[in-house]
Full PDB file with SEQRES, HELIX, SHEET, SSBOND, CRYST1, ORIGX, SCALE, CONECT and MASTER records, all heavy atoms in Angstrom:
SEQRES   1 A   36  ALA HIS LEU LEU VAL THR ASP ILE ARG MET PRO GLU VAL          
SEQRES   2 A   36  GLY GLY LEU GLU LEU VAL GLU ARG LEU SER ALA MET SER          
SEQRES   3 A   36  PRO PRO PRO VAL VAL ILE VAL ILE SER GLY                      
HELIX    1 AA1 GLY A   15  LEU A   22  1                                   8    
SHEET    1 AA1 2 LEU A   3  ASP A   7  0                                        
SHEET    2 AA1 2 VAL A  30  ILE A  34  1                                        
CRYST1    1.000    1.000    1.000  90.00  90.00  90.00 P 1           1          
ORIGX1      1.000000  0.000000  0.000000        0.00000                         
ORIGX2      0.000000  1.000000  0.000000        0.00000                         
ORIGX3      0.000000  0.000000  1.000000        0.00000                         
SCALE1      1.000000  0.000000  0.000000        0.00000                         
SCALE2      0.000000  1.000000  0.000000        0.00000                         
SCALE3      0.000000  0.000000  1.000000        0.00000                         
ATOM      1  N   ALA A   1       8.726   6.740  -3.189  1.00  0.00           N  
ATOM      2  CA  ALA A   1       7.675   6.568  -4.199  1.00  0.00           C  
ATOM      3  C   ALA A   1       6.604   7.629  -3.968  1.00  0.00           C  
ATOM      4  O   ALA A   1       6.220   7.889  -2.826  1.00  0.00           O  
ATOM      5  CB  ALA A   1       7.065   5.179  -4.106  1.00  0.00           C  
ATOM      6  N   HIS A   2       6.155   8.248  -5.038  1.00  0.00           N  
ATOM      7  CA  HIS A   2       5.092   9.245  -4.934  1.00  0.00           C  
ATOM      8  C   HIS A   2       3.713   8.588  -5.053  1.00  0.00           C  
ATOM      9  O   HIS A   2       2.745   9.063  -4.474  1.00  0.00           O  
ATOM     10  CB  HIS A   2       5.259  10.305  -6.021  1.00  0.00           C  
ATOM     11  CG  HIS A   2       6.561  11.034  -5.942  1.00  0.00           C  
ATOM     12  ND1 HIS A   2       7.702  10.588  -6.568  1.00  0.00           N  
ATOM     13  CD2 HIS A   2       6.919  12.150  -5.262  1.00  0.00           C  
ATOM     14  CE1 HIS A   2       8.696  11.419  -6.308  1.00  0.00           C  
ATOM     15  NE2 HIS A   2       8.251  12.368  -5.517  1.00  0.00           N  
ATOM     16  N   LEU A   3       3.669   7.489  -5.835  1.00  0.00           N  
ATOM     17  CA  LEU A   3       2.424   6.753  -6.023  1.00  0.00           C  
ATOM     18  C   LEU A   3       2.693   5.261  -5.880  1.00  0.00           C  
ATOM     19  O   LEU A   3       3.662   4.743  -6.444  1.00  0.00           O  
ATOM     20  CB  LEU A   3       1.832   7.038  -7.414  1.00  0.00           C  
ATOM     21  CG  LEU A   3       0.691   6.134  -7.891  1.00  0.00           C  
ATOM     22  CD1 LEU A   3      -0.497   6.201  -6.946  1.00  0.00           C  
ATOM     23  CD2 LEU A   3       0.284   6.499  -9.309  1.00  0.00           C  
ATOM     24  N   LEU A   4       1.833   4.585  -5.124  1.00  0.00           N  
ATOM     25  CA  LEU A   4       1.926   3.140  -4.926  1.00  0.00           C  
ATOM     26  C   LEU A   4       0.703   2.488  -5.560  1.00  0.00           C  
ATOM     27  O   LEU A   4      -0.427   2.850  -5.242  1.00  0.00           O  
ATOM     28  CB  LEU A   4       1.973   2.832  -3.430  1.00  0.00           C  
ATOM     29  CG  LEU A   4       2.123   1.368  -3.013  1.00  0.00           C  
ATOM     30  CD1 LEU A   4       3.533   0.881  -3.307  1.00  0.00           C  
ATOM     31  CD2 LEU A   4       1.808   1.208  -1.529  1.00  0.00           C  
ATOM     32  N   VAL A   5       0.935   1.551  -6.469  1.00  0.00           N  
ATOM     33  CA  VAL A   5      -0.138   0.757  -7.063  1.00  0.00           C  
ATOM     34  C   VAL A   5       0.048  -0.662  -6.541  1.00  0.00           C  
ATOM     35  O   VAL A   5       1.013  -1.338  -6.899  1.00  0.00           O  
ATOM     36  CB  VAL A   5      -0.078   0.773  -8.604  1.00  0.00           C  
ATOM     37  CG1 VAL A   5      -1.235  -0.040  -9.183  1.00  0.00           C  
ATOM     38  CG2 VAL A   5      -0.110   2.201  -9.131  1.00  0.00           C  
ATOM     39  N   THR A   6      -0.846  -1.120  -5.670  1.00  0.00           N  
ATOM     40  CA  THR A   6      -0.619  -2.398  -5.003  1.00  0.00           C  
ATOM     41  C   THR A   6      -1.822  -3.336  -5.068  1.00  0.00           C  
ATOM     42  O   THR A   6      -2.972  -2.896  -4.968  1.00  0.00           O  
ATOM     43  CB  THR A   6      -0.229  -2.180  -3.526  1.00  0.00           C  
ATOM     44  OG1 THR A   6      -0.012  -3.448  -2.888  1.00  0.00           O  
ATOM     45  CG2 THR A   6      -1.301  -1.425  -2.767  1.00  0.00           C  
ATOM     46  N   ASP A   7      -1.510  -4.618  -5.234  1.00  0.00           N  
ATOM     47  CA  ASP A   7      -2.536  -5.649  -5.127  1.00  0.00           C  
ATOM     48  C   ASP A   7      -2.966  -5.728  -3.661  1.00  0.00           C  
ATOM     49  O   ASP A   7      -2.187  -5.408  -2.752  1.00  0.00           O  
ATOM     50  CB  ASP A   7      -1.959  -6.996  -5.583  1.00  0.00           C  
ATOM     51  CG  ASP A   7      -3.047  -8.057  -5.722  1.00  0.00           C  
ATOM     52  OD1 ASP A   7      -4.230  -7.696  -5.714  1.00  0.00           O  
ATOM     53  OD2 ASP A   7      -2.684  -9.244  -5.821  1.00  0.00           O  
ATOM     54  N   ILE A   8      -4.195  -6.147  -3.419  1.00  0.00           N  
ATOM     55  CA  ILE A   8      -4.684  -6.177  -2.049  1.00  0.00           C  
ATOM     56  C   ILE A   8      -4.371  -7.502  -1.357  1.00  0.00           C  
ATOM     57  O   ILE A   8      -4.184  -7.546  -0.137  1.00  0.00           O  
ATOM     58  CB  ILE A   8      -6.203  -5.891  -2.031  1.00  0.00           C  
ATOM     59  CG1 ILE A   8      -6.620  -5.326  -0.679  1.00  0.00           C  
ATOM     60  CG2 ILE A   8      -7.006  -7.124  -2.397  1.00  0.00           C  
ATOM     61  CD1 ILE A   8      -7.970  -4.661  -0.678  1.00  0.00           C  
ATOM     62  N   ARG A   9      -4.301  -8.600  -2.137  1.00  0.00           N  
ATOM     63  CA  ARG A   9      -4.034  -9.910  -1.550  1.00  0.00           C  
ATOM     64  C   ARG A   9      -2.657 -10.399  -1.979  1.00  0.00           C  
ATOM     65  O   ARG A   9      -2.428 -10.719  -3.154  1.00  0.00           O  
ATOM     66  CB  ARG A   9      -5.091 -10.916  -1.994  1.00  0.00           C  
ATOM     67  CG  ARG A   9      -6.422 -10.761  -1.288  1.00  0.00           C  
ATOM     68  CD  ARG A   9      -7.339 -11.923  -1.640  1.00  0.00           C  
ATOM     69  NE  ARG A   9      -8.569 -11.898  -0.847  1.00  0.00           N  
ATOM     70  CZ  ARG A   9      -9.517 -12.812  -0.933  1.00  0.00           C  
ATOM     71  NH1 ARG A   9      -9.357 -13.838  -1.773  1.00  0.00           N  
ATOM     72  NH2 ARG A   9     -10.598 -12.742  -0.192  1.00  0.00           N  
ATOM     73  N   MET A  10      -1.732 -10.437  -1.016  1.00  0.00           N  
ATOM     74  CA  MET A  10      -0.385 -10.935  -1.268  1.00  0.00           C  
ATOM     75  C   MET A  10       0.081 -11.703  -0.035  1.00  0.00           C  
ATOM     76  O   MET A  10      -0.367 -11.419   1.084  1.00  0.00           O  
ATOM     77  CB  MET A  10       0.576  -9.776  -1.562  1.00  0.00           C  
ATOM     78  CG  MET A  10       0.288  -9.017  -2.835  1.00  0.00           C  
ATOM     79  SD  MET A  10       1.496  -7.701  -3.154  1.00  0.00           S  
ATOM     80  CE  MET A  10       1.065  -6.537  -1.820  1.00  0.00           C  
ATOM     81  N   PRO A  11       0.988 -12.675  -0.201  1.00  0.00           N  
ATOM     82  CA  PRO A  11       1.503 -13.421   0.958  1.00  0.00           C  
ATOM     83  C   PRO A  11       2.264 -12.496   1.919  1.00  0.00           C  
ATOM     84  O   PRO A  11       2.807 -11.478   1.504  1.00  0.00           O  
ATOM     85  CB  PRO A  11       2.462 -14.437   0.322  1.00  0.00           C  
ATOM     86  CG  PRO A  11       2.050 -14.520  -1.110  1.00  0.00           C  
ATOM     87  CD  PRO A  11       1.532 -13.165  -1.467  1.00  0.00           C  
ATOM     88  N   GLU A  12       2.275 -12.848   3.185  1.00  0.00           N  
ATOM     89  CA  GLU A  12       3.025 -12.153   4.251  1.00  0.00           C  
ATOM     90  C   GLU A  12       2.494 -10.749   4.530  1.00  0.00           C  
ATOM     91  O   GLU A  12       1.914 -10.496   5.577  1.00  0.00           O  
ATOM     92  CB  GLU A  12       4.523 -12.113   3.928  1.00  0.00           C  
ATOM     93  CG  GLU A  12       5.185 -13.482   3.855  1.00  0.00           C  
ATOM     94  CD  GLU A  12       6.662 -13.368   3.628  1.00  0.00           C  
ATOM     95  OE1 GLU A  12       7.406 -13.111   4.604  1.00  0.00           O  
ATOM     96  OE2 GLU A  12       7.088 -13.542   2.469  1.00  0.00           O  
ATOM     97  N   VAL A  13       2.700  -9.827   3.608  1.00  0.00           N  
ATOM     98  CA  VAL A  13       2.229  -8.447   3.793  1.00  0.00           C  
ATOM     99  C   VAL A  13       1.294  -8.096   2.642  1.00  0.00           C  
ATOM    100  O   VAL A  13       1.727  -7.928   1.499  1.00  0.00           O  
ATOM    101  CB  VAL A  13       3.405  -7.448   3.834  1.00  0.00           C  
ATOM    102  CG1 VAL A  13       2.874  -6.011   3.956  1.00  0.00           C  
ATOM    103  CG2 VAL A  13       4.337  -7.764   4.998  1.00  0.00           C  
ATOM    104  N   GLY A  14       0.001  -8.012   2.940  1.00  0.00           N  
ATOM    105  CA  GLY A  14      -0.982  -7.665   1.923  1.00  0.00           C  
ATOM    106  C   GLY A  14      -0.998  -6.176   1.643  1.00  0.00           C  
ATOM    107  O   GLY A  14      -0.321  -5.376   2.309  1.00  0.00           O  
ATOM    108  N   GLY A  15      -1.800  -5.788   0.637  1.00  0.00           N  
ATOM    109  CA  GLY A  15      -1.839  -4.394   0.225  1.00  0.00           C  
ATOM    110  C   GLY A  15      -2.285  -3.430   1.304  1.00  0.00           C  
ATOM    111  O   GLY A  15      -1.686  -2.369   1.497  1.00  0.00           O  
ATOM    112  N   LEU A  16      -3.335  -3.778   2.056  1.00  0.00           N  
ATOM    113  CA  LEU A  16      -3.831  -2.879   3.094  1.00  0.00           C  
ATOM    114  C   LEU A  16      -2.851  -2.762   4.252  1.00  0.00           C  
ATOM    115  O   LEU A  16      -2.673  -1.683   4.826  1.00  0.00           O  
ATOM    116  CB  LEU A  16      -5.196  -3.350   3.596  1.00  0.00           C  
ATOM    117  CG  LEU A  16      -6.335  -3.285   2.571  1.00  0.00           C  
ATOM    118  CD1 LEU A  16      -7.642  -3.689   3.213  1.00  0.00           C  
ATOM    119  CD2 LEU A  16      -6.436  -1.898   1.957  1.00  0.00           C  
ATOM    120  N   GLU A  17      -2.205  -3.881   4.609  1.00  0.00           N  
ATOM    121  CA  GLU A  17      -1.193  -3.813   5.665  1.00  0.00           C  
ATOM    122  C   GLU A  17      -0.017  -2.951   5.202  1.00  0.00           C  
ATOM    123  O   GLU A  17       0.546  -2.180   5.992  1.00  0.00           O  
ATOM    124  CB  GLU A  17      -0.692  -5.206   6.029  1.00  0.00           C  
ATOM    125  CG  GLU A  17       0.307  -5.200   7.188  1.00  0.00           C  
ATOM    126  CD  GLU A  17       0.833  -6.575   7.549  1.00  0.00           C  
ATOM    127  OE1 GLU A  17       0.276  -7.574   7.052  1.00  0.00           O  
ATOM    128  OE2 GLU A  17       1.809  -6.640   8.336  1.00  0.00           O  
ATOM    129  N   LEU A  18       0.335  -3.063   3.941  1.00  0.00           N  
ATOM    130  CA  LEU A  18       1.409  -2.242   3.384  1.00  0.00           C  
ATOM    131  C   LEU A  18       1.057  -0.761   3.496  1.00  0.00           C  
ATOM    132  O   LEU A  18       1.876   0.055   3.915  1.00  0.00           O  
ATOM    133  CB  LEU A  18       1.635  -2.626   1.913  1.00  0.00           C  
ATOM    134  CG  LEU A  18       2.680  -1.823   1.130  1.00  0.00           C  
ATOM    135  CD1 LEU A  18       4.048  -1.937   1.769  1.00  0.00           C  
ATOM    136  CD2 LEU A  18       2.716  -2.296  -0.325  1.00  0.00           C  
ATOM    137  N   VAL A  19      -0.175  -0.418   3.140  1.00  0.00           N  
ATOM    138  CA  VAL A  19      -0.626   0.976   3.223  1.00  0.00           C  
ATOM    139  C   VAL A  19      -0.582   1.471   4.666  1.00  0.00           C  
ATOM    140  O   VAL A  19      -0.148   2.592   4.951  1.00  0.00           O  
ATOM    141  CB  VAL A  19      -2.047   1.130   2.657  1.00  0.00           C  
ATOM    142  CG1 VAL A  19      -2.565   2.551   2.860  1.00  0.00           C  
ATOM    143  CG2 VAL A  19      -2.065   0.777   1.174  1.00  0.00           C  
ATOM    144  N   GLU A  20      -1.019   0.631   5.612  1.00  0.00           N  
ATOM    145  CA  GLU A  20      -1.001   1.015   7.025  1.00  0.00           C  
ATOM    146  C   GLU A  20       0.423   1.278   7.509  1.00  0.00           C  
ATOM    147  O   GLU A  20       0.669   2.232   8.234  1.00  0.00           O  
ATOM    148  CB  GLU A  20      -1.655  -0.072   7.871  1.00  0.00           C  
ATOM    149  CG  GLU A  20      -3.169  -0.116   7.752  1.00  0.00           C  
ATOM    150  CD  GLU A  20      -3.791  -1.124   8.695  1.00  0.00           C  
ATOM    151  OE1 GLU A  20      -3.640  -2.336   8.453  1.00  0.00           O  
ATOM    152  OE2 GLU A  20      -4.424  -0.696   9.679  1.00  0.00           O  
ATOM    153  N   ARG A  21       1.356   0.433   7.094  1.00  0.00           N  
ATOM    154  CA  ARG A  21       2.747   0.621   7.512  1.00  0.00           C  
ATOM    155  C   ARG A  21       3.351   1.895   6.930  1.00  0.00           C  
ATOM    156  O   ARG A  21       4.176   2.544   7.570  1.00  0.00           O  
ATOM    157  CB  ARG A  21       3.587  -0.586   7.088  1.00  0.00           C  
ATOM    158  CG  ARG A  21       3.255  -1.872   7.834  1.00  0.00           C  
ATOM    159  CD  ARG A  21       4.379  -2.866   7.677  1.00  0.00           C  
ATOM    160  NE  ARG A  21       4.043  -4.187   8.189  1.00  0.00           N  
ATOM    161  CZ  ARG A  21       4.913  -5.179   8.279  1.00  0.00           C  
ATOM    162  NH1 ARG A  21       6.162  -5.011   7.856  1.00  0.00           N  
ATOM    163  NH2 ARG A  21       4.547  -6.355   8.743  1.00  0.00           N  
ATOM    164  N   LEU A  22       2.918   2.250   5.736  1.00  0.00           N  
ATOM    165  CA  LEU A  22       3.466   3.439   5.085  1.00  0.00           C  
ATOM    166  C   LEU A  22       2.866   4.735   5.622  1.00  0.00           C  
ATOM    167  O   LEU A  22       3.364   5.812   5.333  1.00  0.00           O  
ATOM    168  CB  LEU A  22       3.222   3.358   3.572  1.00  0.00           C  
ATOM    169  CG  LEU A  22       3.942   2.233   2.827  1.00  0.00           C  
ATOM    170  CD1 LEU A  22       3.621   2.284   1.351  1.00  0.00           C  
ATOM    171  CD2 LEU A  22       5.447   2.325   3.042  1.00  0.00           C  
ATOM    172  N   SER A  23       1.789   4.618   6.398  1.00  0.00           N  
ATOM    173  CA  SER A  23       1.127   5.825   6.916  1.00  0.00           C  
ATOM    174  C   SER A  23       2.029   6.621   7.840  1.00  0.00           C  
ATOM    175  O   SER A  23       1.791   7.810   8.079  1.00  0.00           O  
ATOM    176  CB  SER A  23      -0.164   5.452   7.647  1.00  0.00           C  
ATOM    177  OG  SER A  23       0.116   4.649   8.790  1.00  0.00           O  
ATOM    178  N   ALA A  24       3.086   5.994   8.351  1.00  0.00           N  
ATOM    179  CA  ALA A  24       4.011   6.697   9.246  1.00  0.00           C  
ATOM    180  C   ALA A  24       4.958   7.610   8.473  1.00  0.00           C  
ATOM    181  O   ALA A  24       5.615   8.471   9.064  1.00  0.00           O  
ATOM    182  CB  ALA A  24       4.822   5.688  10.057  1.00  0.00           C  
ATOM    183  N   MET A  25       5.036   7.420   7.160  1.00  0.00           N  
ATOM    184  CA  MET A  25       5.902   8.269   6.345  1.00  0.00           C  
ATOM    185  C   MET A  25       5.318   9.679   6.268  1.00  0.00           C  
ATOM    186  O   MET A  25       4.122   9.879   6.403  1.00  0.00           O  
ATOM    187  CB  MET A  25       6.048   7.688   4.939  1.00  0.00           C  
ATOM    188  CG  MET A  25       6.723   6.334   4.875  1.00  0.00           C  
ATOM    189  SD  MET A  25       6.736   5.623   3.207  1.00  0.00           S  
ATOM    190  CE  MET A  25       7.720   6.854   2.332  1.00  0.00           C  
ATOM    191  N   SER A  26       6.190  10.667   6.057  1.00  0.00           N  
ATOM    192  CA  SER A  26       5.727  12.050   6.017  1.00  0.00           C  
ATOM    193  C   SER A  26       6.250  12.763   4.755  1.00  0.00           C  
ATOM    194  O   SER A  26       7.406  13.181   4.726  1.00  0.00           O  
ATOM    195  CB  SER A  26       6.179  12.790   7.272  1.00  0.00           C  
ATOM    196  OG  SER A  26       5.714  14.122   7.266  1.00  0.00           O  
ATOM    197  N   PRO A  27       5.356  12.955   3.768  1.00  0.00           N  
ATOM    198  CA  PRO A  27       4.021  12.367   3.661  1.00  0.00           C  
ATOM    199  C   PRO A  27       4.111  10.986   3.034  1.00  0.00           C  
ATOM    200  O   PRO A  27       5.069  10.704   2.308  1.00  0.00           O  
ATOM    201  CB  PRO A  27       3.301  13.344   2.725  1.00  0.00           C  
ATOM    202  CG  PRO A  27       4.381  13.842   1.819  1.00  0.00           C  
ATOM    203  CD  PRO A  27       5.631  13.905   2.666  1.00  0.00           C  
ATOM    204  N   PRO A  28       3.129  10.120   3.292  1.00  0.00           N  
ATOM    205  CA  PRO A  28       3.137   8.795   2.657  1.00  0.00           C  
ATOM    206  C   PRO A  28       2.776   8.926   1.178  1.00  0.00           C  
ATOM    207  O   PRO A  28       2.175   9.923   0.772  1.00  0.00           O  
ATOM    208  CB  PRO A  28       2.053   8.041   3.421  1.00  0.00           C  
ATOM    209  CG  PRO A  28       1.124   9.106   3.880  1.00  0.00           C  
ATOM    210  CD  PRO A  28       1.975  10.307   4.164  1.00  0.00           C  
ATOM    211  N   PRO A  29       3.113   7.940   0.347  1.00  0.00           N  
ATOM    212  CA  PRO A  29       2.706   8.002  -1.056  1.00  0.00           C  
ATOM    213  C   PRO A  29       1.198   7.864  -1.179  1.00  0.00           C  
ATOM    214  O   PRO A  29       0.553   7.279  -0.311  1.00  0.00           O  
ATOM    215  CB  PRO A  29       3.427   6.803  -1.687  1.00  0.00           C  
ATOM    216  CG  PRO A  29       3.660   5.860  -0.550  1.00  0.00           C  
ATOM    217  CD  PRO A  29       3.882   6.715   0.657  1.00  0.00           C  
ATOM    218  N   VAL A  30       0.637   8.406  -2.239  1.00  0.00           N  
ATOM    219  CA  VAL A  30      -0.775   8.167  -2.507  1.00  0.00           C  
ATOM    220  C   VAL A  30      -0.889   6.742  -3.050  1.00  0.00           C  
ATOM    221  O   VAL A  30       0.080   6.192  -3.576  1.00  0.00           O  
ATOM    222  CB  VAL A  30      -1.349   9.191  -3.510  1.00  0.00           C  
ATOM    223  CG1 VAL A  30      -1.407  10.572  -2.891  1.00  0.00           C  
ATOM    224  CG2 VAL A  30      -0.534   9.222  -4.793  1.00  0.00           C  
ATOM    225  N   VAL A  31      -2.071   6.150  -2.908  1.00  0.00           N  
ATOM    226  CA  VAL A  31      -2.191   4.711  -3.181  1.00  0.00           C  
ATOM    227  C   VAL A  31      -3.390   4.394  -4.062  1.00  0.00           C  
ATOM    228  O   VAL A  31      -4.481   4.949  -3.889  1.00  0.00           O  
ATOM    229  CB  VAL A  31      -2.324   3.920  -1.858  1.00  0.00           C  
ATOM    230  CG1 VAL A  31      -2.450   2.418  -2.141  1.00  0.00           C  
ATOM    231  CG2 VAL A  31      -1.124   4.181  -0.939  1.00  0.00           C  
ATOM    232  N   ILE A  32      -3.152   3.491  -5.009  1.00  0.00           N  
ATOM    233  CA  ILE A  32      -4.215   2.855  -5.780  1.00  0.00           C  
ATOM    234  C   ILE A  32      -4.184   1.371  -5.432  1.00  0.00           C  
ATOM    235  O   ILE A  32      -3.130   0.745  -5.496  1.00  0.00           O  
ATOM    236  CB  ILE A  32      -4.010   3.025  -7.296  1.00  0.00           C  
ATOM    237  CG1 ILE A  32      -4.128   4.500  -7.690  1.00  0.00           C  
ATOM    238  CG2 ILE A  32      -5.009   2.181  -8.083  1.00  0.00           C  
ATOM    239  CD1 ILE A  32      -3.748   4.772  -9.134  1.00  0.00           C  
ATOM    240  N   VAL A  33      -5.315   0.815  -5.019  1.00  0.00           N  
ATOM    241  CA  VAL A  33      -5.399  -0.604  -4.674  1.00  0.00           C  
ATOM    242  C   VAL A  33      -6.090  -1.354  -5.797  1.00  0.00           C  
ATOM    243  O   VAL A  33      -7.093  -0.871  -6.346  1.00  0.00           O  
ATOM    244  CB  VAL A  33      -6.171  -0.788  -3.343  1.00  0.00           C  
ATOM    245  CG1 VAL A  33      -6.629  -2.224  -3.185  1.00  0.00           C  
ATOM    246  CG2 VAL A  33      -5.290  -0.395  -2.160  1.00  0.00           C  
ATOM    247  N   ILE A  34      -5.563  -2.525  -6.157  1.00  0.00           N  
ATOM    248  CA  ILE A  34      -6.192  -3.375  -7.160  1.00  0.00           C  
ATOM    249  C   ILE A  34      -6.552  -4.713  -6.526  1.00  0.00           C  
ATOM    250  O   ILE A  34      -5.862  -5.184  -5.629  1.00  0.00           O  
ATOM    251  CB  ILE A  34      -5.283  -3.581  -8.386  1.00  0.00           C  
ATOM    252  CG1 ILE A  34      -3.922  -4.156  -7.975  1.00  0.00           C  
ATOM    253  CG2 ILE A  34      -5.089  -2.274  -9.134  1.00  0.00           C  
ATOM    254  CD1 ILE A  34      -2.997  -4.419  -9.133  1.00  0.00           C  
ATOM    255  N   SER A  35      -7.635  -5.299  -6.984  1.00  0.00           N  
ATOM    256  CA  SER A  35      -8.103  -6.545  -6.379  1.00  0.00           C  
ATOM    257  C   SER A  35      -8.808  -7.410  -7.412  1.00  0.00           C  
ATOM    258  O   SER A  35      -9.446  -6.898  -8.342  1.00  0.00           O  
ATOM    259  CB  SER A  35      -9.056  -6.238  -5.225  1.00  0.00           C  
ATOM    260  OG  SER A  35      -9.622  -7.430  -4.709  1.00  0.00           O  
ATOM    261  N   GLY A  36      -8.682  -8.715  -7.226  1.00  0.00           N  
ATOM    262  CA  GLY A  36      -9.383  -9.642  -8.101  1.00  0.00           C  
ATOM    263  C   GLY A  36     -10.782  -9.948  -7.627  1.00  0.00           C  
ATOM    264  O   GLY A  36     -11.530 -10.674  -8.281  1.00  0.00           O  
TER     265      GLY A  36                                                      
MASTER        0    0    0    1    2    0    0    6  264    1    0    3          
END                                                                             
């Protein structure tokens, strides 16, 4: 994925944790976070 659009609050793995896990990718996708 080149761009990730993710909600910030989700069960098990939230948006910020998802972004942190993807930081190991080279290069990681750019990210847009959405929140209620």
